[in-house]
């Protein structure tokens, strides 16, 4: 099993979404502040709406740019806080397609596509 996952968020219908067909996810949206986290994290990228790479894990890895700390369960998902961006974001139940249970910390790296 992978310990570092990678997805390619992009904009569709004015929303940040991603596909991961291996996990049965197509145009899975980021909402509830997670979309704002992405806006802040990619503000210096050229055309991030066309896609960028997002690596994430429940274990720290080289090059991590963001640390998301679990705050609370909410509705059917979980709220995380990114101190660096001073922003909360809600992650939907699709999170459990990657982790058995919601991690206390999610480490992430965003980077433009080459």
C-alpha atoms as a PDB file:
ATOM      1  CA  UNK A   1       0.000   0.000   0.000  1.00  0.00           C
ATOM      2  CA  UNK A   2       1.229   3.487  -0.828  1.00  0.00           C
ATOM      3  CA  UNK A   3       2.207   5.756   2.001  1.00  0.00           C
ATOM      4  CA  UNK A   4       2.280   8.855  -0.241  1.00  0.00           C
ATOM      5  CA  UNK A   5      -0.680   9.494  -2.518  1.00  0.00           C
ATOM      6  CA  UNK A   6      -0.864  11.891  -5.459  1.00  0.00           C
ATOM      7  CA  UNK A   7      -3.859  13.496  -7.097  1.00  0.00           C
ATOM      8  CA  UNK A   8      -4.252  16.185  -9.758  1.00  0.00           C
ATOM      9  CA  UNK A   9      -6.839  18.766  -8.673  1.00  0.00           C
ATOM     10  CA  UNK A  10      -8.271  21.000 -11.396  1.00  0.00           C
ATOM     11  CA  UNK A  11     -11.249  23.299 -11.893  1.00  0.00           C
ATOM     12  CA  UNK A  12     -14.516  22.057 -13.370  1.00  0.00           C
ATOM     13  CA  UNK A  13     -17.790  23.964 -13.279  1.00  0.00           C
ATOM     14  CA  UNK A  14     -16.065  26.639 -11.174  1.00  0.00           C
ATOM     15  CA  UNK A  15     -15.038  24.189  -8.430  1.00  0.00           C
ATOM     16  CA  UNK A  16     -11.824  22.430  -7.441  1.00  0.00           C
ATOM     17  CA  UNK A  17     -12.241  18.708  -8.171  1.00  0.00           C
ATOM     18  CA  UNK A  18     -10.065  15.651  -8.689  1.00  0.00           C
ATOM     19  CA  UNK A  19     -10.279  12.227 -10.275  1.00  0.00           C
ATOM     20  CA  UNK A  20      -8.912   8.966  -8.947  1.00  0.00           C
ATOM     21  CA  UNK A  21     -10.550   6.246 -10.963  1.00  0.00           C
ATOM     22  CA  UNK A  22      -8.652   3.554  -9.032  1.00  0.00           C
ATOM     23  CA  UNK A  23     -10.702   4.615  -5.995  1.00  0.00           C
ATOM     24  CA  UNK A  24     -13.947   5.228  -7.840  1.00  0.00           C
ATOM     25  CA  UNK A  25     -13.717   9.036  -7.664  1.00  0.00           C
ATOM     26  CA  UNK A  26     -14.543  11.234 -10.648  1.00  0.00           C
ATOM     27  CA  UNK A  27     -14.799  15.020 -10.306  1.00  0.00           C
ATOM     28  CA  UNK A  28     -14.825  14.679  -6.515  1.00  0.00           C
ATOM     29  CA  UNK A  29     -15.250  18.276  -5.282  1.00  0.00           C
ATOM     30  CA  UNK A  30     -13.348  20.148  -2.599  1.00  0.00           C
ATOM     31  CA  UNK A  31     -15.835  22.211  -0.560  1.00  0.00           C
ATOM     32  CA  UNK A  32     -16.267  23.652   2.924  1.00  0.00           C
ATOM     33  CA  UNK A  33     -13.029  25.614   3.054  1.00  0.00           C
ATOM     34  CA  UNK A  34     -10.872  22.950   1.374  1.00  0.00           C
ATOM     35  CA  UNK A  35     -11.410  24.913  -1.835  1.00  0.00           C
ATOM     36  CA  UNK A  36     -10.094  28.044  -0.110  1.00  0.00           C
ATOM     37  CA  UNK A  37      -7.055  26.099   1.131  1.00  0.00           C
ATOM     38  CA  UNK A  38      -6.309  25.176  -2.481  1.00  0.00           C
ATOM     39  CA  UNK A  39      -6.767  28.772  -3.654  1.00  0.00           C
ATOM     40  CA  UNK A  40      -4.269  29.947  -1.025  1.00  0.00           C
ATOM     41  CA  UNK A  41      -1.786  27.119  -1.625  1.00  0.00           C
ATOM     42  CA  UNK A  42      -1.680  27.664  -5.396  1.00  0.00           C
ATOM     43  CA  UNK A  43      -1.939  31.471  -5.531  1.00  0.00           C
ATOM     44  CA  UNK A  44       1.534  31.778  -7.075  1.00  0.00           C
ATOM     45  CA  UNK A  45       1.076  28.995  -9.649  1.00  0.00           C
ATOM     46  CA  UNK A  46       0.525  29.772 -13.324  1.00  0.00           C
ATOM     47  CA  UNK A  47      -2.904  28.474 -14.364  1.00  0.00           C
ATOM     48  CA  UNK A  48      -3.463  26.066 -11.466  1.00  0.00           C
ATOM     49  CA  UNK A  49      -7.051  25.635 -12.675  1.00  0.00           C
ATOM     50  CA  UNK A  50      -5.671  23.380 -15.418  1.00  0.00           C
ATOM     51  CA  UNK A  51      -4.241  21.059 -12.787  1.00  0.00           C
ATOM     52  CA  UNK A  52      -1.388  20.724 -10.354  1.00  0.00           C
ATOM     53  CA  UNK A  53       0.083  17.846  -8.351  1.00  0.00           C
ATOM     54  CA  UNK A  54      -0.938  17.322  -4.740  1.00  0.00           C
ATOM     55  CA  UNK A  55       0.993  14.746  -2.753  1.00  0.00           C
ATOM     56  CA  UNK A  56      -0.304  13.785   0.683  1.00  0.00           C
ATOM     57  CA  UNK A  57       0.330  11.294   3.454  1.00  0.00           C
ATOM     58  CA  UNK A  58      -0.281  10.683   7.130  1.00  0.00           C
ATOM     59  CA  UNK A  59       3.504  10.462   7.473  1.00  0.00           C
ATOM     60  CA  UNK A  60       5.920  13.346   7.010  1.00  0.00           C
ATOM     61  CA  UNK A  61       7.951  13.175   3.782  1.00  0.00           C
ATOM     62  CA  UNK A  62      10.660  15.329   2.131  1.00  0.00           C
ATOM     63  CA  UNK A  63       9.395  18.553   0.604  1.00  0.00           C
ATOM     64  CA  UNK A  64       6.183  18.821   2.644  1.00  0.00           C
ATOM     65  CA  UNK A  65       4.764  22.322   2.283  1.00  0.00           C
ATOM     66  CA  UNK A  66       1.588  22.063   4.369  1.00  0.00           C
ATOM     67  CA  UNK A  67       0.548  20.348   7.569  1.00  0.00           C
ATOM     68  CA  UNK A  68      -3.168  19.831   8.170  1.00  0.00           C
ATOM     69  CA  UNK A  69      -4.187  19.032  11.738  1.00  0.00           C
ATOM     70  CA  UNK A  70      -7.443  17.277  12.568  1.00  0.00           C
ATOM     71  CA  UNK A  71      -9.851  19.536  14.438  1.00  0.00           C
ATOM     72  CA  UNK A  72     -13.196  17.727  14.567  1.00  0.00           C
ATOM     73  CA  UNK A  73     -15.620  15.440  12.827  1.00  0.00           C
ATOM     74  CA  UNK A  74     -18.354  17.399  11.087  1.00  0.00           C
ATOM     75  CA  UNK A  75     -21.334  16.072   9.181  1.00  0.00           C
ATOM     76  CA  UNK A  76     -20.034  13.037   7.276  1.00  0.00           C
ATOM     77  CA  UNK A  77     -16.454  14.357   7.003  1.00  0.00           C
ATOM     78  CA  UNK A  78     -13.638  15.888   9.019  1.00  0.00           C
ATOM     79  CA  UNK A  79     -12.342  19.408   9.501  1.00  0.00           C
ATOM     80  CA  UNK A  80      -8.599  20.086   9.339  1.00  0.00           C
ATOM     81  CA  UNK A  81      -6.679  23.278  10.131  1.00  0.00           C
ATOM     82  CA  UNK A  82      -3.608  24.518   8.263  1.00  0.00           C
ATOM     83  CA  UNK A  83      -1.663  26.847  10.541  1.00  0.00           C
ATOM     84  CA  UNK A  84       0.552  28.122   7.708  1.00  0.00           C
ATOM     85  CA  UNK A  85      -2.480  29.342   5.761  1.00  0.00           C
ATOM     86  CA  UNK A  86      -4.591  30.075   8.870  1.00  0.00           C
ATOM     87  CA  UNK A  87      -7.513  28.267   7.271  1.00  0.00           C
ATOM     88  CA  UNK A  88      -9.808  25.359   8.085  1.00  0.00           C
ATOM     89  CA  UNK A  89     -11.038  22.969   5.441  1.00  0.00           C
ATOM     90  CA  UNK A  90     -13.602  20.184   5.465  1.00  0.00           C
ATOM     91  CA  UNK A  91     -12.609  16.884   3.878  1.00  0.00           C
ATOM     92  CA  UNK A  92     -15.449  14.657   2.759  1.00  0.00           C
ATOM     93  CA  UNK A  93     -15.772  10.889   3.315  1.00  0.00           C
ATOM     94  CA  UNK A  94     -13.633  10.301   0.194  1.00  0.00           C
ATOM     95  CA  UNK A  95     -10.717  10.765   2.626  1.00  0.00           C
ATOM     96  CA  UNK A  96     -11.464   7.226   3.816  1.00  0.00           C
ATOM     97  CA  UNK A  97     -10.670   5.887   0.336  1.00  0.00           C
ATOM     98  CA  UNK A  98      -7.051   6.665   1.250  1.00  0.00           C
ATOM     99  CA  UNK A  99      -6.931   6.115   5.015  1.00  0.00           C
ATOM    100  CA  UNK A 100      -8.611   3.566   7.294  1.00  0.00           C
ATOM    101  CA  UNK A 101      -9.585   6.368   9.666  1.00  0.00           C
ATOM    102  CA  UNK A 102      -9.128  10.151   9.546  1.00  0.00           C
ATOM    103  CA  UNK A 103      -5.455  10.889  10.285  1.00  0.00           C
ATOM    104  CA  UNK A 104      -4.641  13.272  13.124  1.00  0.00           C
ATOM    105  CA  UNK A 105      -2.201  15.008  10.747  1.00  0.00           C
ATOM    106  CA  UNK A 106      -2.077  15.091   6.953  1.00  0.00           C
ATOM    107  CA  UNK A 107       1.162  16.223   5.335  1.00  0.00           C
ATOM    108  CA  UNK A 108       0.829  17.720   1.871  1.00  0.00           C
ATOM    109  CA  UNK A 109       2.887  19.155  -0.936  1.00  0.00           C
ATOM    110  CA  UNK A 110       1.491  21.053  -3.907  1.00  0.00           C
ATOM    111  CA  UNK A 111       3.493  21.701  -7.029  1.00  0.00           C
ATOM    112  CA  UNK A 112       2.835  22.921 -10.554  1.00  0.00           C
ATOM    113  CA  UNK A 113       2.795  20.347 -13.309  1.00  0.00           C
ATOM    114  CA  UNK A 114       6.012  20.213 -15.308  1.00  0.00           C
END
